Amino acid sequence: MDNLWTDSTDQVTTSFTFSDDPATIYSLSNKETDIRNLLDKIIERAEFEDLEHKQRMIVEHQAEQAIGESWMCFHLKQLTNLMEDK
């Protein structure tokens, strides 16, 4: 965490840098931070399930089914990108 402060609504706000440009700083509320953390956990689970599927397909000699990223992983990552671009 870079900075913590209280705004006029007494809500704690956290400042994070999401880009390579140090001048670009976005401010996230606690709720937004919680949403981002939850989304990261969902992505982690989706990637784990995707890997399990790929391993199962290889064992079953269906390697063509183990290529690429799952629909769920792709779209969750797109959602993350949309949140960062706000």
N, C-alpha and C. Protein backbone atom coordinates (compact mmCIF):
# COMPACT_ATOMS: atom_id res chain seq x y z
N MET A 1 0.83 -1.17 0.00
CA MET A 1 0.00 0.00 0.00
C MET A 1 0.88 1.24 0.00
N ASP A 2 0.54 2.14 -0.89
CA ASP A 2 1.33 3.35 -0.97
C ASP A 2 0.89 4.37 0.07
N ASN A 3 -0.38 4.73 0.05
CA ASN A 3 -0.88 5.77 0.94
C ASN A 3 -2.24 5.37 1.49
N LEU A 4 -2.50 5.74 2.72
CA LEU A 4 -3.82 5.58 3.32
C LEU A 4 -4.25 6.93 3.84
N TRP A 5 -5.49 7.30 3.58
CA TRP A 5 -6.02 8.52 4.13
C TRP A 5 -7.53 8.39 4.23
N THR A 6 -8.15 9.28 4.94
CA THR A 6 -9.60 9.27 5.11
C THR A 6 -10.17 10.43 4.32
N ASP A 7 -11.16 10.13 3.48
CA ASP A 7 -11.79 11.20 2.72
C ASP A 7 -12.95 11.79 3.53
N SER A 8 -13.72 12.67 2.90
CA SER A 8 -14.78 13.38 3.63
C SER A 8 -15.88 12.44 4.12
N THR A 9 -16.00 11.25 3.58
CA THR A 9 -17.03 10.31 4.02
C THR A 9 -16.47 9.33 5.04
N ASP A 10 -15.28 9.58 5.55
CA ASP A 10 -14.61 8.71 6.51
C ASP A 10 -14.38 7.31 5.97
N GLN A 11 -14.23 7.19 4.67
CA GLN A 11 -13.95 5.90 4.04
C GLN A 11 -12.46 5.86 3.72
N VAL A 12 -11.80 4.80 4.13
CA VAL A 12 -10.37 4.67 3.88
C VAL A 12 -10.17 4.38 2.40
N THR A 13 -9.25 5.10 1.79
CA THR A 13 -8.95 4.95 0.38
C THR A 13 -7.49 4.57 0.23
N THR A 14 -7.21 3.70 -0.72
CA THR A 14 -5.85 3.24 -0.97
C THR A 14 -5.43 3.67 -2.36
N SER A 15 -4.20 4.08 -2.50
CA SER A 15 -3.68 4.51 -3.79
C SER A 15 -2.74 3.44 -4.33
N PHE A 16 -2.97 3.03 -5.57
CA PHE A 16 -2.13 2.02 -6.22
C PHE A 16 -1.68 2.53 -7.58
N THR A 17 -0.55 2.06 -8.05
CA THR A 17 -0.11 2.34 -9.40
C THR A 17 -0.30 1.09 -10.24
N PHE A 18 -1.07 1.20 -11.35
CA PHE A 18 -1.38 0.05 -12.19
C PHE A 18 -0.63 0.07 -13.52
N SER A 19 0.14 1.07 -13.79
CA SER A 19 0.81 1.10 -15.08
C SER A 19 2.31 1.32 -14.88
N ASP A 20 3.03 1.25 -15.97
CA ASP A 20 4.48 1.47 -15.91
C ASP A 20 4.81 2.95 -15.73
N ASP A 21 3.87 3.81 -16.04
CA ASP A 21 4.06 5.25 -15.91
C ASP A 21 3.83 5.65 -14.45
N PRO A 22 4.87 6.06 -13.72
CA PRO A 22 4.71 6.38 -12.31
C PRO A 22 3.76 7.55 -12.06
N ALA A 23 3.48 8.35 -13.07
CA ALA A 23 2.58 9.49 -12.90
C ALA A 23 1.12 9.06 -12.92
N THR A 24 0.84 7.83 -13.38
CA THR A 24 -0.52 7.34 -13.45
C THR A 24 -0.87 6.62 -12.16
N ILE A 25 -1.68 7.25 -11.34
CA ILE A 25 -2.07 6.67 -10.05
C ILE A 25 -3.59 6.64 -9.99
N TYR A 26 -4.12 5.49 -9.63
CA TYR A 26 -5.56 5.32 -9.50
C TYR A 26 -5.89 5.13 -8.03
N SER A 27 -7.00 5.61 -7.63
CA SER A 27 -7.41 5.50 -6.25
C SER A 27 -8.54 4.50 -6.15
N LEU A 28 -8.39 3.50 -5.29
CA LEU A 28 -9.41 2.48 -5.11
C LEU A 28 -9.99 2.57 -3.71
N SER A 29 -11.30 2.47 -3.63
CA SER A 29 -11.94 2.41 -2.32
C SER A 29 -11.77 1.00 -1.77
N ASN A 30 -12.12 0.82 -0.52
CA ASN A 30 -12.04 -0.52 0.07
C ASN A 30 -12.90 -1.50 -0.70
N LYS A 31 -14.08 -1.08 -1.13
CA LYS A 31 -14.97 -1.95 -1.88
C LYS A 31 -14.35 -2.36 -3.21
N GLU A 32 -13.76 -1.42 -3.92
CA GLU A 32 -13.11 -1.73 -5.19
C GLU A 32 -11.93 -2.67 -4.99
N THR A 33 -11.19 -2.46 -3.91
CA THR A 33 -10.06 -3.34 -3.60
C THR A 33 -10.56 -4.75 -3.31
N ASP A 34 -11.64 -4.86 -2.56
CA ASP A 34 -12.23 -6.17 -2.27
C ASP A 34 -12.70 -6.86 -3.55
N ILE A 35 -13.32 -6.09 -4.45
CA ILE A 35 -13.79 -6.64 -5.73
C ILE A 35 -12.59 -7.15 -6.52
N ARG A 36 -11.53 -6.38 -6.57
CA ARG A 36 -10.33 -6.77 -7.32
C ARG A 36 -9.73 -8.04 -6.72
N ASN A 37 -9.65 -8.12 -5.39
CA ASN A 37 -9.10 -9.31 -4.74
C ASN A 37 -9.95 -10.54 -5.03
N LEU A 38 -11.28 -10.38 -4.98
CA LEU A 38 -12.18 -11.49 -5.29
C LEU A 38 -12.01 -11.92 -6.74
N LEU A 39 -11.92 -10.98 -7.65
CA LEU A 39 -11.73 -11.30 -9.06
C LEU A 39 -10.41 -12.04 -9.27
N ASP A 40 -9.36 -11.63 -8.59
CA ASP A 40 -8.07 -12.33 -8.69
C ASP A 40 -8.19 -13.78 -8.22
N LYS A 41 -8.96 -14.01 -7.16
CA LYS A 41 -9.15 -15.38 -6.66
C LYS A 41 -9.95 -16.21 -7.65
N ILE A 42 -10.96 -15.61 -8.28
CA ILE A 42 -11.76 -16.32 -9.28
C ILE A 42 -10.90 -16.68 -10.48
N ILE A 43 -10.04 -15.76 -10.91
CA ILE A 43 -9.13 -16.03 -12.03
C ILE A 43 -8.18 -17.15 -11.67
N GLU A 44 -7.64 -17.12 -10.46
CA GLU A 44 -6.72 -18.18 -10.02
C GLU A 44 -7.41 -19.55 -10.09
N ARG A 45 -8.64 -19.62 -9.64
CA ARG A 45 -9.39 -20.89 -9.67
C ARG A 45 -9.66 -21.31 -11.12
N ALA A 46 -10.06 -20.37 -11.96
CA ALA A 46 -10.34 -20.68 -13.37
C ALA A 46 -9.08 -21.18 -14.08
N GLU A 47 -7.93 -20.59 -13.79
CA GLU A 47 -6.67 -21.04 -14.39
C GLU A 47 -6.32 -22.45 -13.91
N PHE A 48 -6.57 -22.74 -12.63
CA PHE A 48 -6.32 -24.07 -12.09
C PHE A 48 -7.21 -25.10 -12.79
N GLU A 49 -8.50 -24.80 -12.95
CA GLU A 49 -9.42 -25.71 -13.63
C GLU A 49 -9.04 -25.88 -15.10
N ASP A 50 -8.58 -24.80 -15.72
CA ASP A 50 -8.14 -24.86 -17.12
C ASP A 50 -6.93 -25.79 -17.25
N LEU A 51 -5.99 -25.68 -16.33
CA LEU A 51 -4.81 -26.54 -16.35
C LEU A 51 -5.20 -28.00 -16.13
N GLU A 52 -6.12 -28.26 -15.19
CA GLU A 52 -6.59 -29.63 -14.98
C GLU A 52 -7.22 -30.20 -16.24
N HIS A 53 -8.03 -29.39 -16.92
CA HIS A 53 -8.68 -29.82 -18.16
C HIS A 53 -7.63 -30.17 -19.22
N LYS A 54 -6.63 -29.30 -19.36
CA LYS A 54 -5.58 -29.54 -20.35
C LYS A 54 -4.82 -30.83 -20.05
N GLN A 55 -4.50 -31.05 -18.78
CA GLN A 55 -3.78 -32.27 -18.41
C GLN A 55 -4.63 -33.51 -18.69
N ARG A 56 -5.93 -33.43 -18.39
CA ARG A 56 -6.83 -34.55 -18.63
C ARG A 56 -6.95 -34.84 -20.13
N MET A 57 -7.02 -33.79 -20.94
CA MET A 57 -7.14 -33.98 -22.39
C MET A 57 -5.87 -34.62 -22.96
N ILE A 58 -4.71 -34.24 -22.44
CA ILE A 58 -3.46 -34.84 -22.92
C ILE A 58 -3.41 -36.31 -22.55
N VAL A 59 -3.81 -36.65 -21.33
CA VAL A 59 -3.82 -38.05 -20.89
C VAL A 59 -4.78 -38.86 -21.76
N GLU A 60 -5.90 -38.25 -22.16
CA GLU A 60 -6.90 -38.94 -22.98
C GLU A 60 -6.57 -38.87 -24.47
N HIS A 61 -5.36 -38.42 -24.81
CA HIS A 61 -4.89 -38.34 -26.19
C HIS A 61 -5.76 -37.42 -27.05
N GLN A 62 -6.20 -36.33 -26.45
CA GLN A 62 -6.97 -35.31 -27.16
C GLN A 62 -6.28 -33.96 -26.99
N ALA A 63 -5.01 -33.93 -27.35
CA ALA A 63 -4.19 -32.74 -27.13
C ALA A 63 -4.75 -31.50 -27.82
N GLU A 64 -5.50 -31.68 -28.90
CA GLU A 64 -6.07 -30.51 -29.59
C GLU A 64 -7.06 -29.77 -28.68
N GLN A 65 -7.59 -30.44 -27.67
CA GLN A 65 -8.49 -29.81 -26.71
C GLN A 65 -7.73 -29.08 -25.59
N ALA A 66 -6.41 -29.19 -25.60
CA ALA A 66 -5.59 -28.59 -24.55
C ALA A 66 -4.87 -27.33 -25.03
N ILE A 67 -5.29 -26.82 -26.17
CA ILE A 67 -4.63 -25.65 -26.75
C ILE A 67 -5.36 -24.38 -26.33
N GLY A 68 -4.60 -23.37 -25.99
CA GLY A 68 -5.17 -22.06 -25.70
C GLY A 68 -5.70 -21.90 -24.29
N GLU A 69 -6.39 -20.80 -24.12
CA GLU A 69 -6.93 -20.40 -22.82
C GLU A 69 -8.43 -20.64 -22.83
N SER A 70 -8.98 -21.03 -21.69
CA SER A 70 -10.42 -21.28 -21.62
C SER A 70 -11.20 -19.97 -21.80
N TRP A 71 -12.45 -20.13 -22.16
CA TRP A 71 -13.36 -19.00 -22.32
C TRP A 71 -13.43 -18.21 -21.01
N MET A 72 -13.55 -18.93 -19.90
CA MET A 72 -13.69 -18.28 -18.59
C MET A 72 -12.44 -17.47 -18.24
N CYS A 73 -11.26 -18.06 -18.40
CA CYS A 73 -10.02 -17.34 -18.08
C CYS A 73 -9.88 -16.08 -18.93
N PHE A 74 -10.14 -16.23 -20.22
CA PHE A 74 -10.01 -15.09 -21.13
C PHE A 74 -10.92 -13.94 -20.71
N HIS A 75 -12.19 -14.25 -20.45
CA HIS A 75 -13.14 -13.18 -20.14
C HIS A 75 -12.94 -12.58 -18.75
N LEU A 76 -12.49 -13.37 -17.80
CA LEU A 76 -12.18 -12.81 -16.49
C LEU A 76 -11.00 -11.85 -16.59
N LYS A 77 -10.02 -12.19 -17.39
CA LYS A 77 -8.87 -11.30 -17.58
C LYS A 77 -9.29 -10.02 -18.32
N GLN A 78 -10.23 -10.15 -19.25
CA GLN A 78 -10.74 -8.96 -19.93
C GLN A 78 -11.47 -8.04 -18.94
N LEU A 79 -12.21 -8.64 -18.02
CA LEU A 79 -12.88 -7.86 -16.99
C LEU A 79 -11.86 -7.13 -16.11
N THR A 80 -10.78 -7.81 -15.76
CA THR A 80 -9.72 -7.17 -14.98
C THR A 80 -9.14 -5.98 -15.73
N ASN A 81 -8.90 -6.15 -17.03
CA ASN A 81 -8.36 -5.06 -17.84
C ASN A 81 -9.34 -3.87 -17.89
N LEU A 82 -10.64 -4.16 -17.98
CA LEU A 82 -11.62 -3.08 -17.99
C LEU A 82 -11.61 -2.32 -16.66
N MET A 83 -11.45 -3.04 -15.57
CA MET A 83 -11.41 -2.38 -14.26
C MET A 83 -10.18 -1.49 -14.14
N GLU A 84 -9.07 -1.92 -14.70
CA GLU A 84 -7.83 -1.12 -14.61
C GLU A 84 -7.88 0.10 -15.50
N ASP A 85 -8.67 0.04 -16.59
CA ASP A 85 -8.75 1.15 -17.55
C ASP A 85 -9.72 2.24 -17.13
N LYS A 86 -10.43 2.05 -16.02
CA LYS A 86 -11.50 3.01 -15.67
C LYS A 86 -11.02 4.41 -15.46
